[in-house]
Amino acid sequence: NQGVSGEDVKVKRLSKTGWLYTISTAVIL
C-alpha cells in the first residue's frame, strides 16, 4: 500500500545462507 509505481506486491531479498541453500539444492536436484 506504499504507492510505488508499477507494482502490487512487497519485494524481499535473499540472504547469503539462502543463496548457499539454493545453489546446493539445485546441483543435487
mmCIF file of all heavy atoms, coordinates in Angstrom:
data_MODEL
# 
_entry.id   MODEL 
# 
loop_
_atom_site.group_PDB 
_atom_site.id 
_atom_site.type_symbol 
_atom_site.label_atom_id 
_atom_site.label_alt_id 
_atom_site.label_comp_id 
_atom_site.label_asym_id 
_atom_site.label_entity_id 
_atom_site.label_seq_id 
_atom_site.pdbx_PDB_ins_code 
_atom_site.Cartn_x 
_atom_site.Cartn_y 
_atom_site.Cartn_z 
_atom_site.occupancy 
_atom_site.B_iso_or_equiv 
_atom_site.pdbx_formal_charge 
_atom_site.auth_seq_id 
_atom_site.auth_comp_id 
_atom_site.auth_asym_id 
_atom_site.auth_atom_id 
_atom_site.pdbx_PDB_model_num 
ATOM 1   N N   . ASN A 1 1  ? 0.834  -1.208  0.000   1.00 0.00 ? 1  ASN A N   1 
ATOM 2   C CA  . ASN A 1 1  ? 0.000  0.000   0.000   1.00 0.00 ? 1  ASN A CA  1 
ATOM 3   C C   . ASN A 1 1  ? 0.869  1.258   0.000   1.00 0.00 ? 1  ASN A C   1 
ATOM 4   O O   . ASN A 1 1  ? 0.418  2.339   0.362   1.00 0.00 ? 1  ASN A O   1 
ATOM 5   C CB  . ASN A 1 1  ? -0.898 0.004   1.254   1.00 0.00 ? 1  ASN A CB  1 
ATOM 6   C CG  . ASN A 1 1  ? -1.889 -1.141  1.254   1.00 0.00 ? 1  ASN A CG  1 
ATOM 7   O OD1 . ASN A 1 1  ? -2.507 -1.434  0.230   1.00 0.00 ? 1  ASN A OD1 1 
ATOM 8   N ND2 . ASN A 1 1  ? -2.041 -1.794  2.400   1.00 0.00 ? 1  ASN A ND2 1 
ATOM 9   N N   . GLN A 1 2  ? 2.135  1.072   -0.426  1.00 0.00 ? 2  GLN A N   1 
ATOM 10  C CA  . GLN A 1 2  ? 3.085  2.177   -0.362  1.00 0.00 ? 2  GLN A CA  1 
ATOM 11  C C   . GLN A 1 2  ? 3.057  3.060   -1.596  1.00 0.00 ? 2  GLN A C   1 
ATOM 12  O O   . GLN A 1 2  ? 3.730  4.075   -1.648  1.00 0.00 ? 2  GLN A O   1 
ATOM 13  C CB  . GLN A 1 2  ? 4.500  1.633   -0.154  1.00 0.00 ? 2  GLN A CB  1 
ATOM 14  C CG  . GLN A 1 2  ? 4.650  0.932   1.197   1.00 0.00 ? 2  GLN A CG  1 
ATOM 15  C CD  . GLN A 1 2  ? 6.008  0.292   1.341   1.00 0.00 ? 2  GLN A CD  1 
ATOM 16  O OE1 . GLN A 1 2  ? 6.721  0.067   0.367   1.00 0.00 ? 2  GLN A OE1 1 
ATOM 17  N NE2 . GLN A 1 2  ? 6.398  -0.002  2.564   1.00 0.00 ? 2  GLN A NE2 1 
ATOM 18  N N   . GLY A 1 3  ? 2.310  2.668   -2.605  1.00 0.00 ? 3  GLY A N   1 
ATOM 19  C CA  . GLY A 1 3  ? 2.133  3.521   -3.773  1.00 0.00 ? 3  GLY A CA  1 
ATOM 20  C C   . GLY A 1 3  ? 3.322  3.604   -4.697  1.00 0.00 ? 3  GLY A C   1 
ATOM 21  O O   . GLY A 1 3  ? 3.478  4.563   -5.439  1.00 0.00 ? 3  GLY A O   1 
ATOM 22  N N   . VAL A 1 4  ? 4.203  2.609   -4.710  1.00 0.00 ? 4  VAL A N   1 
ATOM 23  C CA  . VAL A 1 4  ? 5.326  2.609   -5.639  1.00 0.00 ? 4  VAL A CA  1 
ATOM 24  C C   . VAL A 1 4  ? 4.793  2.289   -7.025  1.00 0.00 ? 4  VAL A C   1 
ATOM 25  O O   . VAL A 1 4  ? 4.085  1.308   -7.211  1.00 0.00 ? 4  VAL A O   1 
ATOM 26  C CB  . VAL A 1 4  ? 6.392  1.559   -5.227  1.00 0.00 ? 4  VAL A CB  1 
ATOM 27  C CG1 . VAL A 1 4  ? 7.532  1.562   -6.230  1.00 0.00 ? 4  VAL A CG1 1 
ATOM 28  C CG2 . VAL A 1 4  ? 6.899  1.853   -3.836  1.00 0.00 ? 4  VAL A CG2 1 
ATOM 29  N N   . SER A 1 5  ? 5.148  3.119   -7.999  1.00 0.00 ? 5  SER A N   1 
ATOM 30  C CA  . SER A 1 5  ? 4.615  2.971   -9.354  1.00 0.00 ? 5  SER A CA  1 
ATOM 31  C C   . SER A 1 5  ? 4.994  1.641   -9.981  1.00 0.00 ? 5  SER A C   1 
ATOM 32  O O   . SER A 1 5  ? 6.154  1.252   -9.982  1.00 0.00 ? 5  SER A O   1 
ATOM 33  C CB  . SER A 1 5  ? 5.134  4.102   -10.240 1.00 0.00 ? 5  SER A CB  1 
ATOM 34  O OG  . SER A 1 5  ? 4.691  3.932   -11.571 1.00 0.00 ? 5  SER A OG  1 
ATOM 35  N N   . GLY A 1 6  ? 4.012  0.923   -10.495 1.00 0.00 ? 6  GLY A N   1 
ATOM 36  C CA  . GLY A 1 6  ? 4.281  -0.260  -11.289 1.00 0.00 ? 6  GLY A CA  1 
ATOM 37  C C   . GLY A 1 6  ? 4.271  -1.578  -10.559 1.00 0.00 ? 6  GLY A C   1 
ATOM 38  O O   . GLY A 1 6  ? 4.523  -2.611  -11.152 1.00 0.00 ? 6  GLY A O   1 
ATOM 39  N N   . GLU A 1 7  ? 3.988  -1.619  -9.248  1.00 0.00 ? 7  GLU A N   1 
ATOM 40  C CA  . GLU A 1 7  ? 3.995  -2.903  -8.568  1.00 0.00 ? 7  GLU A CA  1 
ATOM 41  C C   . GLU A 1 7  ? 2.822  -3.048  -7.607  1.00 0.00 ? 7  GLU A C   1 
ATOM 42  O O   . GLU A 1 7  ? 2.231  -2.071  -7.157  1.00 0.00 ? 7  GLU A O   1 
ATOM 43  C CB  . GLU A 1 7  ? 5.309  -3.155  -7.836  1.00 0.00 ? 7  GLU A CB  1 
ATOM 44  C CG  . GLU A 1 7  ? 5.849  -1.997  -7.023  1.00 0.00 ? 7  GLU A CG  1 
ATOM 45  C CD  . GLU A 1 7  ? 5.039  -1.661  -5.796  1.00 0.00 ? 7  GLU A CD  1 
ATOM 46  O OE1 . GLU A 1 7  ? 4.944  -2.497  -4.891  1.00 0.00 ? 7  GLU A OE1 1 
ATOM 47  O OE2 . GLU A 1 7  ? 4.493  -0.558  -5.735  1.00 0.00 ? 7  GLU A OE2 1 
ATOM 48  N N   . ASP A 1 8  ? 2.470  -4.304  -7.350  1.00 0.00 ? 8  ASP A N   1 
ATOM 49  C CA  . ASP A 1 8  ? 1.371  -4.634  -6.450  1.00 0.00 ? 8  ASP A CA  1 
ATOM 50  C C   . ASP A 1 8  ? 1.838  -5.295  -5.159  1.00 0.00 ? 8  ASP A C   1 
ATOM 51  O O   . ASP A 1 8  ? 1.110  -5.327  -4.189  1.00 0.00 ? 8  ASP A O   1 
ATOM 52  C CB  . ASP A 1 8  ? 0.388  -5.594  -7.143  1.00 0.00 ? 8  ASP A CB  1 
ATOM 53  C CG  . ASP A 1 8  ? -0.423 -4.906  -8.241  1.00 0.00 ? 8  ASP A CG  1 
ATOM 54  O OD1 . ASP A 1 8  ? -0.550 -3.675  -8.185  1.00 0.00 ? 8  ASP A OD1 1 
ATOM 55  O OD2 . ASP A 1 8  ? -0.909 -5.601  -9.138  1.00 0.00 ? 8  ASP A OD2 1 
ATOM 56  N N   . VAL A 1 9  ? 3.033  -5.892  -5.151  1.00 0.00 ? 9  VAL A N   1 
ATOM 57  C CA  . VAL A 1 9  ? 3.463  -6.697  -4.008  1.00 0.00 ? 9  VAL A CA  1 
ATOM 58  C C   . VAL A 1 9  ? 4.750  -6.189  -3.378  1.00 0.00 ? 9  VAL A C   1 
ATOM 59  O O   . VAL A 1 9  ? 5.532  -5.469  -4.002  1.00 0.00 ? 9  VAL A O   1 
ATOM 60  C CB  . VAL A 1 9  ? 3.671  -8.174  -4.426  1.00 0.00 ? 9  VAL A CB  1 
ATOM 61  C CG1 . VAL A 1 9  ? 2.361  -8.793  -4.852  1.00 0.00 ? 9  VAL A CG1 1 
ATOM 62  C CG2 . VAL A 1 9  ? 4.722  -8.286  -5.519  1.00 0.00 ? 9  VAL A CG2 1 
ATOM 63  N N   . LYS A 1 10 ? 4.974  -6.593  -2.126  1.00 0.00 ? 10 LYS A N   1 
ATOM 64  C CA  . LYS A 1 10 ? 6.180  -6.242  -1.392  1.00 0.00 ? 10 LYS A CA  1 
ATOM 65  C C   . LYS A 1 10 ? 7.326  -7.165  -1.814  1.00 0.00 ? 10 LYS A C   1 
ATOM 66  O O   . LYS A 1 10 ? 7.155  -8.371  -1.899  1.00 0.00 ? 10 LYS A O   1 
ATOM 67  C CB  . LYS A 1 10 ? 5.938  -6.362  0.108   1.00 0.00 ? 10 LYS A CB  1 
ATOM 68  C CG  . LYS A 1 10 ? 4.889  -5.392  0.623   1.00 0.00 ? 10 LYS A CG  1 
ATOM 69  C CD  . LYS A 1 10 ? 4.643  -5.584  2.105   1.00 0.00 ? 10 LYS A CD  1 
ATOM 70  C CE  . LYS A 1 10 ? 3.560  -4.617  2.608   1.00 0.00 ? 10 LYS A CE  1 
ATOM 71  N NZ  . LYS A 1 10 ? 3.274  -4.823  4.047   1.00 0.00 ? 10 LYS A NZ  1 
ATOM 72  N N   . VAL A 1 11 ? 8.493  -6.598  -2.060  1.00 0.00 ? 11 VAL A N   1 
ATOM 73  C CA  . VAL A 1 11 ? 9.653  -7.335  -2.556  1.00 0.00 ? 11 VAL A CA  1 
ATOM 74  C C   . VAL A 1 11 ? 10.622 -7.641  -1.411  1.00 0.00 ? 11 VAL A C   1 
ATOM 75  O O   . VAL A 1 11 ? 10.817 -6.822  -0.525  1.00 0.00 ? 11 VAL A O   1 
ATOM 76  C CB  . VAL A 1 11 ? 10.379 -6.514  -3.653  1.00 0.00 ? 11 VAL A CB  1 
ATOM 77  C CG1 . VAL A 1 11 ? 11.644 -7.228  -4.111  1.00 0.00 ? 11 VAL A CG1 1 
ATOM 78  C CG2 . VAL A 1 11 ? 9.445  -6.261  -4.831  1.00 0.00 ? 11 VAL A CG2 1 
ATOM 79  N N   . LYS A 1 12 ? 11.248 -8.853  -1.462  1.00 0.00 ? 12 LYS A N   1 
ATOM 80  C CA  . LYS A 1 12 ? 12.225 -9.262  -0.449  1.00 0.00 ? 12 LYS A CA  1 
ATOM 81  C C   . LYS A 1 12 ? 13.558 -9.582  -1.125  1.00 0.00 ? 12 LYS A C   1 
ATOM 82  O O   . LYS A 1 12 ? 13.628 -9.740  -2.350  1.00 0.00 ? 12 LYS A O   1 
ATOM 83  C CB  . LYS A 1 12 ? 11.718 -10.491 0.318   1.00 0.00 ? 12 LYS A CB  1 
ATOM 84  C CG  . LYS A 1 12 ? 10.421 -10.245 1.081   1.00 0.00 ? 12 LYS A CG  1 
ATOM 85  C CD  . LYS A 1 12 ? 10.105 -11.398 2.026   1.00 0.00 ? 12 LYS A CD  1 
ATOM 86  C CE  . LYS A 1 12 ? 9.796  -12.673 1.267   1.00 0.00 ? 12 LYS A CE  1 
ATOM 87  N NZ  . LYS A 1 12 ? 9.396  -13.776 2.179   1.00 0.00 ? 12 LYS A NZ  1 
ATOM 88  N N   . ARG A 1 13 ? 14.638 -9.703  -0.322  1.00 0.00 ? 13 ARG A N   1 
ATOM 89  C CA  . ARG A 1 13 ? 15.967 -10.070 -0.824  1.00 0.00 ? 13 ARG A CA  1 
ATOM 90  C C   . ARG A 1 13 ? 16.435 -11.352 -0.144  1.00 0.00 ? 13 ARG A C   1 
ATOM 91  O O   . ARG A 1 13 ? 16.115 -11.612 1.017   1.00 0.00 ? 13 ARG A O   1 
ATOM 92  C CB  . ARG A 1 13 ? 16.979 -8.945  -0.567  1.00 0.00 ? 13 ARG A CB  1 
ATOM 93  C CG  . ARG A 1 13 ? 16.686 -7.630  -1.276  1.00 0.00 ? 13 ARG A CG  1 
ATOM 94  C CD  . ARG A 1 13 ? 16.731 -7.763  -2.788  1.00 0.00 ? 13 ARG A CD  1 
ATOM 95  N NE  . ARG A 1 13 ? 17.994 -8.294  -3.270  1.00 0.00 ? 13 ARG A NE  1 
ATOM 96  C CZ  . ARG A 1 13 ? 19.062 -7.540  -3.553  1.00 0.00 ? 13 ARG A CZ  1 
ATOM 97  N NH1 . ARG A 1 13 ? 19.007 -6.221  -3.362  1.00 0.00 ? 13 ARG A NH1 1 
ATOM 98  N NH2 . ARG A 1 13 ? 20.162 -8.090  -4.024  1.00 0.00 ? 13 ARG A NH2 1 
ATOM 99  N N   . LEU A 1 14 ? 17.221 -12.143 -0.854  1.00 0.00 ? 14 LEU A N   1 
ATOM 100 C CA  . LEU A 1 14 ? 17.714 -13.419 -0.355  1.00 0.00 ? 14 LEU A CA  1 
ATOM 101 C C   . LEU A 1 14 ? 19.006 -13.209 0.436   1.00 0.00 ? 14 LEU A C   1 
ATOM 102 O O   . LEU A 1 14 ? 19.881 -12.436 0.022   1.00 0.00 ? 14 LEU A O   1 
ATOM 103 C CB  . LEU A 1 14 ? 17.977 -14.361 -1.533  1.00 0.00 ? 14 LEU A CB  1 
ATOM 104 C CG  . LEU A 1 14 ? 18.027 -15.869 -1.279  1.00 0.00 ? 14 LEU A CG  1 
ATOM 105 C CD1 . LEU A 1 14 ? 16.696 -16.368 -0.741  1.00 0.00 ? 14 LEU A CD1 1 
ATOM 106 C CD2 . LEU A 1 14 ? 18.374 -16.594 -2.576  1.00 0.00 ? 14 LEU A CD2 1 
ATOM 107 N N   . SER A 1 15 ? 19.153 -13.908 1.566   1.00 0.00 ? 15 SER A N   1 
ATOM 108 C CA  . SER A 1 15 ? 20.353 -13.800 2.397   1.00 0.00 ? 15 SER A CA  1 
ATOM 109 C C   . SER A 1 15 ? 21.466 -14.704 1.846   1.00 0.00 ? 15 SER A C   1 
ATOM 110 O O   . SER A 1 15 ? 21.235 -15.526 0.955   1.00 0.00 ? 15 SER A O   1 
ATOM 111 C CB  . SER A 1 15 ? 20.036 -14.223 3.837   1.00 0.00 ? 15 SER A CB  1 
ATOM 112 O OG  . SER A 1 15 ? 19.697 -15.603 3.878   1.00 0.00 ? 15 SER A OG  1 
ATOM 113 N N   . LYS A 1 16 ? 22.683 -14.576 2.394   1.00 0.00 ? 16 LYS A N   1 
ATOM 114 C CA  . LYS A 1 16 ? 23.800 -15.430 1.974   1.00 0.00 ? 16 LYS A CA  1 
ATOM 115 C C   . LYS A 1 16 ? 23.517 -16.892 2.274   1.00 0.00 ? 16 LYS A C   1 
ATOM 116 O O   . LYS A 1 16 ? 23.840 -17.784 1.488   1.00 0.00 ? 16 LYS A O   1 
ATOM 117 C CB  . LYS A 1 16 ? 25.086 -14.977 2.673   1.00 0.00 ? 16 LYS A CB  1 
ATOM 118 C CG  . LYS A 1 16 ? 25.603 -13.621 2.209   1.00 0.00 ? 16 LYS A CG  1 
ATOM 119 C CD  . LYS A 1 16 ? 26.906 -13.270 2.905   1.00 0.00 ? 16 LYS A CD  1 
ATOM 120 C CE  . LYS A 1 16 ? 27.426 -11.912 2.423   1.00 0.00 ? 16 LYS A CE  1 
ATOM 121 N NZ  . LYS A 1 16 ? 28.693 -11.531 3.103   1.00 0.00 ? 16 LYS A NZ  1 
ATOM 122 N N   . THR A 1 17 ? 22.913 -17.143 3.427   1.00 0.00 ? 17 THR A N   1 
ATOM 123 C CA  . THR A 1 17 ? 22.549 -18.513 3.787   1.00 0.00 ? 17 THR A CA  1 
ATOM 124 C C   . THR A 1 17 ? 21.512 -19.059 2.809   1.00 0.00 ? 17 THR A C   1 
ATOM 125 O O   . THR A 1 17 ? 21.568 -20.228 2.399   1.00 0.00 ? 17 THR A O   1 
ATOM 126 C CB  . THR A 1 17 ? 21.977 -18.564 5.216   1.00 0.00 ? 17 THR A CB  1 
ATOM 127 O OG1 . THR A 1 17 ? 22.946 -18.043 6.129   1.00 0.00 ? 17 THR A OG1 1 
ATOM 128 C CG2 . THR A 1 17 ? 21.621 -19.990 5.607   1.00 0.00 ? 17 THR A CG2 1 
ATOM 129 N N   . GLY A 1 18 ? 20.577 -18.211 2.435   1.00 0.00 ? 18 GLY A N   1 
ATOM 130 C CA  . GLY A 1 18 ? 19.554 -18.617 1.469   1.00 0.00 ? 18 GLY A CA  1 
ATOM 131 C C   . GLY A 1 18 ? 20.157 -18.961 0.122   1.00 0.00 ? 18 GLY A C   1 
ATOM 132 O O   . GLY A 1 18 ? 19.750 -19.927 -0.529  1.00 0.00 ? 18 GLY A O   1 
ATOM 133 N N   . TRP A 1 19 ? 21.181 -18.196 -0.294  1.00 0.00 ? 19 TRP A N   1 
ATOM 134 C CA  . TRP A 1 19 ? 21.873 -18.480 -1.551  1.00 0.00 ? 19 TRP A CA  1 
ATOM 135 C C   . TRP A 1 19 ? 22.597 -19.818 -1.501  1.00 0.00 ? 19 TRP A C   1 
ATOM 136 O O   . TRP A 1 19 ? 22.579 -20.598 -2.459  1.00 0.00 ? 19 TRP A O   1 
ATOM 137 C CB  . TRP A 1 19 ? 22.873 -17.377 -1.870  1.00 0.00 ? 19 TRP A CB  1 
ATOM 138 C CG  . TRP A 1 19 ? 22.369 -16.346 -2.818  1.00 0.00 ? 19 TRP A CG  1 
ATOM 139 C CD1 . TRP A 1 19 ? 22.268 -15.005 -2.603  1.00 0.00 ? 19 TRP A CD1 1 
ATOM 140 C CD2 . TRP A 1 19 ? 21.907 -16.556 -4.157  1.00 0.00 ? 19 TRP A CD2 1 
ATOM 141 N NE1 . TRP A 1 19 ? 21.754 -14.376 -3.712  1.00 0.00 ? 19 TRP A NE1 1 
ATOM 142 C CE2 . TRP A 1 19 ? 21.530 -15.301 -4.683  1.00 0.00 ? 19 TRP A CE2 1 
ATOM 143 C CE3 . TRP A 1 19 ? 21.760 -17.692 -4.954  1.00 0.00 ? 19 TRP A CE3 1 
ATOM 144 C CZ2 . TRP A 1 19 ? 21.026 -15.147 -5.970  1.00 0.00 ? 19 TRP A CZ2 1 
ATOM 145 C CZ3 . TRP A 1 19 ? 21.250 -17.550 -6.241  1.00 0.00 ? 19 TRP A CZ3 1 
ATOM 146 C CH2 . TRP A 1 19 ? 20.900 -16.288 -6.740  1.00 0.00 ? 19 TRP A CH2 1 
ATOM 147 N N   . LEU A 1 20 ? 23.278 -20.102 -0.383  1.00 0.00 ? 20 LEU A N   1 
ATOM 148 C CA  . LEU A 1 20 ? 24.012 -21.350 -0.220  1.00 0.00 ? 20 LEU A CA  1 
ATOM 149 C C   . LEU A 1 20 ? 23.069 -22.538 -0.316  1.00 0.00 ? 20 LEU A C   1 
ATOM 150 O O   . LEU A 1 20 ? 23.358 -23.536 -0.993  1.00 0.00 ? 20 LEU A O   1 
ATOM 151 C CB  . LEU A 1 20 ? 24.745 -21.357 1.121   1.00 0.00 ? 20 LEU A CB  1 
ATOM 152 C CG  . LEU A 1 20 ? 25.554 -22.625 1.444   1.00 0.00 ? 20 LEU A CG  1 
ATOM 153 C CD1 . LEU A 1 20 ? 26.660 -22.819 0.417   1.00 0.00 ? 20 LEU A CD1 1 
ATOM 154 C CD2 . LEU A 1 20 ? 26.132 -22.525 2.859   1.00 0.00 ? 20 LEU A CD2 1 
ATOM 155 N N   . TYR A 1 21 ? 21.944 -22.438 0.347   1.00 0.00 ? 21 TYR A N   1 
ATOM 156 C CA  . TYR A 1 21 ? 20.949 -23.500 0.316   1.00 0.00 ? 21 TYR A CA  1 
ATOM 157 C C   . TYR A 1 21 ? 20.386 -23.671 -1.098  1.00 0.00 ? 21 TYR A C   1 
ATOM 158 O O   . TYR A 1 21 ? 20.199 -24.799 -1.577  1.00 0.00 ? 21 TYR A O   1 
ATOM 159 C CB  . TYR A 1 21 ? 19.818 -23.167 1.289   1.00 0.00 ? 21 TYR A CB  1 
ATOM 160 C CG  . TYR A 1 21 ? 18.673 -24.162 1.269   1.00 0.00 ? 21 TYR A CG  1 
ATOM 161 C CD1 . TYR A 1 21 ? 18.792 -25.381 1.919   1.00 0.00 ? 21 TYR A CD1 1 
ATOM 162 C CD2 . TYR A 1 21 ? 17.487 -23.870 0.592   1.00 0.00 ? 21 TYR A CD2 1 
ATOM 163 C CE1 . TYR A 1 21 ? 17.754 -26.299 1.896   1.00 0.00 ? 21 TYR A CE1 1 
ATOM 164 C CE2 . TYR A 1 21 ? 16.456 -24.775 0.569   1.00 0.00 ? 21 TYR A CE2 1 
ATOM 165 C CZ  . TYR A 1 21 ? 16.587 -25.992 1.227   1.00 0.00 ? 21 TYR A CZ  1 
ATOM 166 O OH  . TYR A 1 21 ? 15.566 -26.890 1.179   1.00 0.00 ? 21 TYR A OH  1 
ATOM 167 N N   . THR A 1 22 ? 20.137 -22.573 -1.777  1.00 0.00 ? 22 THR A N   1 
ATOM 168 C CA  . THR A 1 22 ? 19.569 -22.610 -3.120  1.00 0.00 ? 22 THR A CA  1 
ATOM 169 C C   . THR A 1 22 ? 20.504 -23.285 -4.112  1.00 0.00 ? 22 THR A C   1 
ATOM 170 O O   . THR A 1 22 ? 20.093 -24.158 -4.889  1.00 0.00 ? 22 THR A O   1 
ATOM 171 C CB  . THR A 1 22 ? 19.251 -21.175 -3.610  1.00 0.00 ? 22 THR A CB  1 
ATOM 172 O OG1 . THR A 1 22 ? 18.302 -20.571 -2.729  1.00 0.00 ? 22 THR A OG1 1 
ATOM 173 C CG2 . THR A 1 22 ? 18.692 -21.201 -5.025  1.00 0.00 ? 22 THR A CG2 1 
ATOM 174 N N   . ILE A 1 23 ? 21.795 -22.914 -4.079  1.00 0.00 ? 23 ILE A N   1 
ATOM 175 C CA  . ILE A 1 23 ? 22.771 -23.458 -5.029  1.00 0.00 ? 23 ILE A CA  1 
ATOM 176 C C   . ILE A 1 23 ? 23.016 -24.946 -4.789  1.00 0.00 ? 23 ILE A C   1 
ATOM 177 O O   . ILE A 1 23 ? 23.038 -25.752 -5.730  1.00 0.00 ? 23 ILE A O   1 
ATOM 178 C CB  . ILE A 1 23 ? 24.102 -22.678 -4.937  1.00 0.00 ? 23 ILE A CB  1 
ATOM 179 C CG1 . ILE A 1 23 ? 23.893 -21.237 -5.429  1.00 0.00 ? 23 ILE A CG1 1 
ATOM 180 C CG2 . ILE A 1 23 ? 25.182 -23.370 -5.771  1.00 0.00 ? 23 ILE A CG2 1 
ATOM 181 C CD1 . ILE A 1 23 ? 25.096 -20.337 -5.225  1.00 0.00 ? 23 ILE A CD1 1 
ATOM 182 N N   . SER A 1 24 ? 23.198 -25.342 -3.531  1.00 0.00 ? 24 SER A N   1 
ATOM 183 C CA  . SER A 1 24 ? 23.460 -26.751 -3.224  1.00 0.00 ? 24 SER A CA  1 
ATOM 184 C C   . SER A 1 24 ? 22.269 -27.632 -3.585  1.00 0.00 ? 24 SER A C   1 
ATOM 185 O O   . SER A 1 24 ? 22.432 -28.735 -4.116  1.00 0.00 ? 24 SER A O   1 
ATOM 186 C CB  . SER A 1 24 ? 23.808 -26.916 -1.735  1.00 0.00 ? 24 SER A CB  1 
ATOM 187 O OG  . SER A 1 24 ? 22.757 -26.436 -0.907  1.00 0.00 ? 24 SER A OG  1 
ATOM 188 N N   . THR A 1 25 ? 21.081 -27.144 -3.326  1.00 0.00 ? 25 THR A N   1 
ATOM 189 C CA  . THR A 1 25 ? 19.873 -27.897 -3.671  1.00 0.00 ? 25 THR A CA  1 
ATOM 190 C C   . THR A 1 25 ? 19.746 -28.049 -5.179  1.00 0.00 ? 25 THR A C   1 
ATOM 191 O O   . THR A 1 25 ? 19.381 -29.121 -5.681  1.00 0.00 ? 25 THR A O   1 
ATOM 192 C CB  . THR A 1 25 ? 18.617 -27.195 -3.125  1.00 0.00 ? 25 THR A CB  1 
ATOM 193 O OG1 . THR A 1 25 ? 18.727 -27.063 -1.706  1.00 0.00 ? 25 THR A OG1 1 
ATOM 194 C CG2 . THR A 1 25 ? 17.364 -27.980 -3.456  1.00 0.00 ? 25 THR A CG2 1 
ATOM 195 N N   . ALA A 1 26 ? 20.065 -26.996 -5.914  1.00 0.00 ? 26 ALA A N   1 
ATOM 196 C CA  . ALA A 1 26 ? 19.962 -27.022 -7.380  1.00 0.00 ? 26 ALA A CA  1 
ATOM 197 C C   . ALA A 1 26 ? 20.881 -28.084 -7.974  1.00 0.00 ? 26 ALA A C   1 
ATOM 198 O O   . ALA A 1 26 ? 20.469 -28.856 -8.859  1.00 0.00 ? 26 ALA A O   1 
ATOM 199 C CB  . ALA A 1 26 ? 20.288 -25.651 -7.953  1.00 0.00 ? 26 ALA A CB  1 
ATOM 200 N N   . VAL A 1 27 ? 22.126 -28.154 -7.505  1.00 0.00 ? 27 VAL A N   1 
ATOM 201 C CA  . VAL A 1 27 ? 23.095 -29.120 -8.035  1.00 0.00 ? 27 VAL A CA  1 
ATOM 202 C C   . VAL A 1 27 ? 22.612 -30.547 -7.828  1.00 0.00 ? 27 VAL A C   1 
ATOM 203 O O   . VAL A 1 27 ? 22.633 -31.384 -8.747  1.00 0.00 ? 27 VAL A O   1 
ATOM 204 C CB  . VAL A 1 27 ? 24.472 -28.915 -7.380  1.00 0.00 ? 27 VAL A CB  1 
ATOM 205 C CG1 . VAL A 1 27 ? 25.429 -30.040 -7.788  1.00 0.00 ? 27 VAL A CG1 1 
ATOM 206 C CG2 . VAL A 1 27 ? 25.058 -27.569 -7.773  1.00 0.00 ? 27 VAL A CG2 1 
ATOM 207 N N   . ILE A 1 28 ? 22.145 -30.847 -6.619  1.00 0.00 ? 28 ILE A N   1 
ATOM 208 C CA  . ILE A 1 28 ? 21.687 -32.200 -6.295  1.00 0.00 ? 28 ILE A CA  1 
ATOM 209 C C   . ILE A 1 28 ? 20.474 -32.591 -7.140  1.00 0.00 ? 28 ILE A C   1 
ATOM 210 O O   . ILE A 1 28 ? 20.408 -33.685 -7.710  1.00 0.00 ? 28 ILE A O   1 
ATOM 211 C CB  . ILE A 1 28 ? 21.336 -32.303 -4.796  1.00 0.00 ? 28 ILE A CB  1 
ATOM 212 C CG1 . ILE A 1 28 ? 22.599 -32.113 -3.947  1.00 0.00 ? 28 ILE A CG1 1 
ATOM 213 C CG2 . ILE A 1 28 ? 20.676 -33.642 -4.480  1.00 0.00 ? 28 ILE A CG2 1 
ATOM 214 C CD1 . ILE A 1 28 ? 22.331 -31.985 -2.457  1.00 0.00 ? 28 ILE A CD1 1 
ATOM 215 N N   . LEU A 1 29 ? 19.517 -31.675 -7.260  1.00 0.00 ? 29 LEU A N   1 
ATOM 216 C CA  . LEU A 1 29 ? 18.289 -31.979 -7.992  1.00 0.00 ? 29 LEU A CA  1 
ATOM 217 C C   . LEU A 1 29 ? 18.521 -32.104 -9.497  1.00 0.00 ? 29 LEU A C   1 
ATOM 218 O O   . LEU A 1 29 ? 17.893 -32.934 -10.159 1.00 0.00 ? 29 LEU A O   1 
ATOM 219 C CB  . LEU A 1 29 ? 17.238 -30.906 -7.717  1.00 0.00 ? 29 LEU A CB  1 
ATOM 220 C CG  . LEU A 1 29 ? 16.680 -30.867 -6.293  1.00 0.00 ? 29 LEU A CG  1 
ATOM 221 C CD1 . LEU A 1 29 ? 15.670 -29.733 -6.145  1.00 0.00 ? 29 LEU A CD1 1 
ATOM 222 C CD2 . LEU A 1 29 ? 16.019 -32.199 -5.937  1.00 0.00 ? 29 LEU A CD2 1 
# 
